[in-house]
Amino acid sequence: MEKNKSLIKLVLGFIIFFFISYVAVIILRYGFNLNVLDYGKRGIALADALISSLVTILFIILYFDVIKSSWLQFKENYKKNISQIFLGIIIGYLVLNAMQIVASYVSALLFFICGVQMETAANQQTIEELLASAPLIMIFSSCILAPIEEELLFRGSIRKSIKNKKVFIACSGLIFGLMHVTDSIIFIGELLLLGVVIDRILSNSKLNKNDKTKLSVVAVVIILFIFAGIYYFTYGNLINAILSLPLKEVIGSVTYVIMGVTLASLYIYNKENILMNISIHALNNIVAIMLALFLK
C-alpha cells in the first residue's frame, strides 16, 4: 500500500512538472499579451522564477513527508554536533564537483571521438543569457528553487518508489540527466516504468536470483517493445528520429547524467536526508553562479 501511494505521488509529481513546464513554454513562446514579456530576457527570467516557485510549493506540499523525516533525522543525529552537518555538505559538494570535472573530460573525449565541435549545452546557454540579464532573479531561481524542486522530485520521490539502491541510482541519474536535454514525457515515462518494474521484481522475496534476472530481462524487452510502438506512432520512423537527434545535445547530456548519479549516490550515503542533498545541490549552484558572474 505504501509503495503504491508513493508511486502515485511520483507520477503526480512528474505530471505537475511536465504540465506546468509545457504551459510555461506556451506562455513564453506566444506571450498571450503578458506585459512581463515586454521586458525581454529579464521578463522571461521573472516568469521562469514565478513558475518555478509554483512548482516548488506544490512539491513541498506533495512530498512533505520526505522533508519531515529528514528534519527529524537532522534533529536526532546532529543536535549536539552542528559541525557534522556543514562538514557533510562541504564533502558532498567536493565529491559532486570532482565528478563534474570527470564528466567534462568524458564529454570532451566523446566530442573528439565523434568529431563534433565542443559547445555549451543549449540549456546552459539559456541559463547564462538569463543570468546576464537578471542576475538576482536567476540566483534566487537557480540557487534556492531549483535545488528544492529537483531534489524532491528526482531523489526523494523516486527513492520512495524504488527501494533497490542500484536501480534507484541508475534511474534517478538517467532521468535527471536526460530531462535537461529532452522534454519527452514518453521517454521519461519509459525510464520510470523500467525502474519501478525492475525494482518490484528484485524486491520479490519469493523469487530466487536466477528467476529475478530472467524476469528483469523479459520485463525490459517487453517495455522497450511497447514504447518502441508508442514512439513509432508518435514520431514516425524511429530510426530516423534517433538519427535526427542533435549529437551535441546527446553528448552534453553525459555531464548531467553523471551529476544525477552522483547526487543519487550522495542521497543514499547521507542516509536519504533530502535536506543534505538540497544543501549540497544549492552550494554547487551558488558557486557556479558566482563564478559565472565574476569571471566574465
Protein backbone atom coordinates (compact mmCIF):
# COMPACT_ATOMS: atom_id res chain seq x y z
CA MET A 1 0.00 0.00 0.00
CA GLU A 2 2.79 2.43 0.94
CA LYS A 3 4.68 1.66 -2.29
CA ASN A 4 1.55 2.26 -4.37
CA LYS A 5 0.90 5.57 -2.60
CA SER A 6 4.49 6.67 -3.20
CA LEU A 7 4.23 5.64 -6.87
CA ILE A 8 1.06 7.70 -7.32
CA LYS A 9 2.77 10.72 -5.78
CA LEU A 10 5.81 10.16 -8.02
CA VAL A 11 3.69 10.08 -11.18
CA LEU A 12 1.70 13.09 -9.98
CA GLY A 13 4.96 14.98 -9.40
CA PHE A 14 6.13 14.36 -12.97
CA ILE A 15 2.71 15.30 -14.35
CA ILE A 16 2.88 18.59 -12.44
CA PHE A 17 6.44 19.16 -13.64
CA PHE A 18 5.66 18.48 -17.30
CA PHE A 19 2.26 20.18 -17.35
CA ILE A 20 3.49 23.43 -15.80
CA SER A 21 6.62 23.29 -17.97
CA TYR A 22 4.51 22.98 -21.14
CA VAL A 23 2.22 25.81 -20.01
CA ALA A 24 5.33 27.89 -19.33
CA VAL A 25 6.71 27.19 -22.81
CA ILE A 26 3.40 28.23 -24.40
CA ILE A 27 3.25 31.41 -22.33
CA LEU A 28 6.86 32.34 -23.02
CA ARG A 29 6.61 31.49 -26.71
CA TYR A 30 3.30 33.14 -27.56
CA GLY A 31 3.10 35.67 -24.76
CA PHE A 32 -0.68 35.90 -24.51
CA ASN A 33 -0.11 39.68 -24.24
CA LEU A 34 1.62 39.32 -20.85
CA ASN A 35 3.30 42.61 -20.01
CA VAL A 36 6.14 40.81 -18.21
CA LEU A 37 7.45 39.55 -21.55
CA ASP A 38 7.86 43.11 -22.82
CA TYR A 39 10.98 43.35 -20.64
CA GLY A 40 12.87 40.85 -22.77
CA LYS A 41 15.13 38.30 -21.07
CA ARG A 42 14.56 39.92 -17.67
CA GLY A 43 10.83 39.35 -18.07
CA ILE A 44 11.44 35.76 -19.14
CA ALA A 45 13.67 35.20 -16.09
CA LEU A 46 10.95 36.60 -13.82
CA ALA A 47 8.27 34.44 -15.43
CA ASP A 48 10.54 31.39 -15.08
CA ALA A 49 11.11 32.18 -11.38
CA LEU A 50 7.38 32.54 -10.75
CA ILE A 51 6.65 29.23 -12.49
CA SER A 52 9.48 27.50 -10.58
CA SER A 53 8.11 28.94 -7.33
CA LEU A 54 4.72 27.40 -8.05
CA VAL A 55 6.26 24.00 -8.84
CA THR A 56 8.44 24.16 -5.71
CA ILE A 57 5.45 24.97 -3.47
CA LEU A 58 3.43 22.11 -4.96
CA PHE A 59 6.36 19.70 -4.49
CA ILE A 60 6.84 20.76 -0.86
CA ILE A 61 3.16 20.00 -0.22
CA LEU A 62 3.23 16.74 -2.16
CA TYR A 63 6.48 15.43 -0.65
CA PHE A 64 6.21 16.99 2.79
CA ASP A 65 6.72 13.56 4.38
CA VAL A 66 10.20 13.37 2.79
CA ILE A 67 11.12 16.78 4.21
CA LYS A 68 9.65 15.97 7.63
CA SER A 69 11.55 12.69 8.00
CA SER A 70 14.81 14.41 7.01
CA TRP A 71 14.23 17.23 9.51
CA LEU A 72 13.58 14.72 12.31
CA GLN A 73 16.77 12.90 11.30
CA PHE A 74 18.68 16.17 11.49
CA LYS A 75 17.38 16.87 14.98
CA GLU A 76 18.14 13.36 16.20
CA ASN A 77 21.62 12.91 14.75
CA TYR A 78 23.12 16.36 14.63
CA LYS A 79 21.55 18.27 17.52
CA LYS A 80 24.76 18.18 19.56
CA ASN A 81 27.22 18.50 16.69
CA ILE A 82 26.18 21.04 14.06
CA SER A 83 29.68 20.91 12.56
CA GLN A 84 28.89 17.44 11.13
CA ILE A 85 26.17 19.00 9.01
CA PHE A 86 28.47 21.57 7.44
CA LEU A 87 31.26 19.01 7.02
CA GLY A 88 28.87 16.64 5.24
CA ILE A 89 27.68 19.42 2.92
CA ILE A 90 31.25 20.50 2.07
CA ILE A 91 32.36 16.91 1.42
CA GLY A 92 29.27 16.29 -0.71
CA TYR A 93 29.96 19.46 -2.70
CA LEU A 94 33.60 18.46 -3.28
CA VAL A 95 32.56 14.98 -4.44
CA LEU A 96 29.93 16.45 -6.78
CA ASN A 97 32.42 19.00 -8.12
CA ALA A 98 35.05 16.30 -8.70
CA MET A 99 32.54 14.17 -10.63
CA GLN A 100 31.55 17.17 -12.73
CA ILE A 101 35.20 17.63 -13.67
CA VAL A 102 35.39 13.94 -14.62
CA ALA A 103 32.17 14.36 -16.62
CA SER A 104 33.62 17.32 -18.52
CA TYR A 105 36.62 15.23 -19.58
CA VAL A 106 34.35 12.33 -20.62
CA SER A 107 32.21 14.72 -22.68
CA ALA A 108 35.31 16.27 -24.28
CA LEU A 109 36.56 12.79 -25.21
CA LEU A 110 33.19 11.87 -26.76
CA PHE A 111 33.12 15.14 -28.72
CA PHE A 112 36.62 14.32 -30.01
CA ILE A 113 35.76 10.71 -30.93
CA CYS A 114 32.57 11.77 -32.73
CA GLY A 115 34.36 14.62 -34.49
CA VAL A 116 31.93 17.21 -33.17
CA GLN A 117 32.96 20.68 -32.04
CA MET A 118 32.51 21.00 -28.28
CA GLU A 119 29.90 23.60 -27.34
CA THR A 120 27.95 24.65 -24.26
CA ALA A 121 24.65 22.78 -23.97
CA ALA A 122 21.56 24.74 -25.03
CA ASN A 123 20.16 24.54 -21.51
CA GLN A 124 23.37 26.03 -20.07
CA GLN A 125 23.47 28.75 -22.72
CA THR A 126 19.93 29.81 -21.82
CA ILE A 127 20.82 30.00 -18.13
CA GLU A 128 23.90 32.11 -18.87
CA GLU A 129 21.91 34.53 -21.05
CA LEU A 130 19.21 34.98 -18.40
CA LEU A 131 21.85 35.33 -15.69
CA ALA A 132 23.46 38.21 -17.55
CA SER A 133 20.10 39.98 -17.92
CA ALA A 134 18.60 39.31 -14.48
CA PRO A 135 21.28 38.09 -12.03
CA LEU A 136 19.26 38.46 -8.79
CA ILE A 137 16.24 36.64 -10.18
CA MET A 138 18.38 33.85 -11.59
CA ILE A 139 20.35 33.50 -8.32
CA PHE A 140 17.06 33.03 -6.46
CA SER A 141 15.73 30.61 -9.07
CA SER A 142 18.93 28.57 -9.57
CA CYS A 143 20.29 28.54 -6.01
CA ILE A 144 17.08 28.16 -3.99
CA LEU A 145 14.15 26.99 -6.10
CA ALA A 146 15.94 24.56 -8.45
CA PRO A 147 17.72 22.52 -5.72
CA ILE A 148 14.49 22.10 -3.70
CA GLU A 149 12.39 21.27 -6.75
CA GLU A 150 14.87 18.86 -8.34
CA GLU A 151 15.95 17.04 -5.19
CA LEU A 152 12.38 16.43 -4.02
CA LEU A 153 11.37 15.05 -7.42
CA PHE A 154 14.48 13.26 -8.68
CA ARG A 155 15.81 11.94 -5.36
CA GLY A 156 13.19 11.97 -2.60
CA SER A 157 10.19 10.95 -4.68
CA ILE A 158 11.91 8.34 -6.85
CA ARG A 159 13.59 6.76 -3.82
CA LYS A 160 10.19 6.30 -2.16
CA SER A 161 9.10 4.16 -5.11
CA ILE A 162 12.38 2.38 -5.90
CA LYS A 163 13.94 0.61 -2.91
CA ASN A 164 16.80 -1.17 -4.66
CA LYS A 165 19.79 1.18 -4.29
CA LYS A 166 21.47 0.38 -7.61
CA VAL A 167 18.23 0.64 -9.58
CA PHE A 168 17.39 3.91 -7.83
CA ILE A 169 20.80 5.45 -8.55
CA ALA A 170 20.65 4.44 -12.22
CA CYS A 171 17.03 5.53 -12.70
CA SER A 172 17.42 8.82 -10.83
CA GLY A 173 20.67 9.66 -12.59
CA LEU A 174 19.37 8.92 -16.08
CA ILE A 175 16.09 10.78 -15.62
CA PHE A 176 17.77 13.80 -14.01
CA GLY A 177 20.40 13.96 -16.73
CA LEU A 178 18.21 13.38 -19.75
CA MET A 179 15.45 15.76 -18.61
CA HIS A 180 17.99 18.57 -19.03
CA VAL A 181 18.18 17.84 -22.76
CA THR A 182 14.74 16.40 -23.65
CA ASP A 183 11.15 17.28 -22.84
CA SER A 184 9.74 13.93 -23.99
CA ILE A 185 7.31 12.74 -21.32
CA ILE A 186 7.11 9.40 -23.17
CA PHE A 187 10.85 8.79 -22.80
CA ILE A 188 10.93 9.80 -19.13
CA GLY A 189 7.85 7.63 -18.51
CA GLU A 190 9.68 4.68 -20.06
CA LEU A 191 12.67 5.13 -17.73
CA LEU A 192 10.39 5.44 -14.70
CA LEU A 193 8.44 2.32 -15.65
CA LEU A 194 11.64 0.33 -16.23
CA GLY A 195 13.00 1.38 -12.83
CA VAL A 196 9.80 0.62 -10.91
CA VAL A 197 9.18 -2.75 -12.60
CA ILE A 198 12.76 -3.97 -12.14
CA ASP A 199 12.68 -2.80 -8.52
CA ARG A 200 9.47 -4.75 -7.85
CA ILE A 201 10.98 -7.87 -9.39
CA LEU A 202 14.23 -7.61 -7.42
CA SER A 203 12.39 -6.94 -4.15
CA ASN A 204 10.20 -10.03 -4.52
CA SER A 205 11.44 -12.40 -1.79
CA LYS A 206 9.64 -15.37 -3.36
CA LEU A 207 11.93 -15.36 -6.39
CA ASN A 208 15.48 -16.71 -6.49
CA LYS A 209 18.36 -14.83 -8.11
CA ASN A 210 18.08 -16.59 -11.49
CA ASP A 211 14.33 -16.00 -11.69
CA LYS A 212 14.81 -12.31 -10.87
CA THR A 213 17.41 -11.97 -13.62
CA LYS A 214 15.23 -13.72 -16.21
CA LEU A 215 12.12 -11.76 -15.29
CA SER A 216 14.06 -8.47 -15.35
CA VAL A 217 15.37 -9.19 -18.86
CA VAL A 218 11.88 -10.17 -20.09
CA ALA A 219 10.36 -7.05 -18.49
CA VAL A 220 12.96 -4.79 -20.10
CA VAL A 221 12.40 -6.33 -23.54
CA ILE A 222 8.59 -6.07 -23.27
CA ILE A 223 8.68 -2.46 -22.08
CA LEU A 224 11.15 -1.48 -24.80
CA PHE A 225 8.94 -3.08 -27.47
CA ILE A 226 5.81 -1.38 -26.13
CA PHE A 227 7.46 2.02 -26.09
CA ALA A 228 9.05 1.42 -29.48
CA GLY A 229 5.49 1.09 -30.80
CA ILE A 230 4.44 4.27 -28.98
CA TYR A 231 7.45 6.12 -30.42
CA TYR A 232 6.61 4.87 -33.91
CA PHE A 233 3.01 6.09 -33.83
CA THR A 234 4.08 9.36 -32.20
CA TYR A 235 7.21 10.26 -34.14
CA GLY A 236 7.08 8.04 -37.23
CA ASN A 237 10.20 6.18 -38.31
CA LEU A 238 12.05 5.56 -35.03
CA ILE A 239 15.46 5.09 -36.66
CA ASN A 240 15.19 8.44 -38.43
CA ALA A 241 14.00 10.10 -35.23
CA ILE A 242 17.02 8.75 -33.35
CA LEU A 243 19.46 9.76 -36.09
CA SER A 244 17.96 13.25 -36.20
CA LEU A 245 18.75 13.92 -32.54
CA PRO A 246 21.32 16.72 -32.10
CA LEU A 247 24.59 14.89 -31.39
CA LYS A 248 25.90 17.86 -29.40
CA GLU A 249 22.94 17.71 -27.00
CA VAL A 250 23.18 13.92 -26.65
CA ILE A 251 26.88 14.11 -25.72
CA GLY A 252 26.19 17.12 -23.50
CA SER A 253 23.67 15.08 -21.50
CA VAL A 254 26.54 12.89 -20.21
CA THR A 255 27.57 15.62 -17.77
CA TYR A 256 24.04 15.89 -16.37
CA VAL A 257 23.66 12.11 -16.10
CA ILE A 258 26.91 11.81 -14.13
CA MET A 259 25.78 14.68 -11.92
CA GLY A 260 22.44 12.93 -11.37
CA VAL A 261 24.10 9.62 -10.49
CA THR A 262 26.42 11.42 -8.06
CA LEU A 263 23.55 13.23 -6.33
CA ALA A 264 21.59 9.97 -6.06
CA SER A 265 24.64 8.24 -4.56
CA LEU A 266 25.11 11.09 -2.07
CA TYR A 267 21.46 10.77 -1.10
CA ILE A 268 22.00 7.12 -0.22
CA TYR A 269 25.29 7.88 1.54
CA ASN A 270 23.67 10.62 3.66
CA LYS A 271 21.02 8.18 4.89
CA GLU A 272 18.41 9.57 2.49
CA ASN A 273 18.35 13.01 4.07
CA ILE A 274 16.82 15.26 1.43
CA LEU A 275 17.88 18.42 3.29
CA MET A 276 21.54 17.41 2.92
CA ASN A 277 21.10 16.88 -0.80
CA ILE A 278 19.28 20.19 -1.23
CA SER A 279 22.13 21.95 0.59
CA ILE A 280 24.83 20.25 -1.50
CA HIS A 281 22.95 20.98 -4.72
CA ALA A 282 22.37 24.61 -3.66
CA LEU A 283 26.04 25.13 -2.75
CA ASN A 284 27.11 23.71 -6.10
CA ASN A 285 24.76 26.09 -7.95
CA ILE A 286 25.81 29.07 -5.82
CA VAL A 287 29.49 28.53 -6.61
CA ALA A 288 28.73 28.01 -10.32
CA ILE A 289 26.63 31.19 -10.45
CA MET A 290 29.25 33.23 -8.63
CA LEU A 291 31.99 32.02 -10.99
CA ALA A 292 29.81 32.80 -14.00
CA LEU A 293 29.17 36.32 -12.71
CA PHE A 294 32.66 37.29 -11.59
CA LEU A 295 34.79 35.56 -14.22
CA LYS A 296 33.13 37.30 -17.15
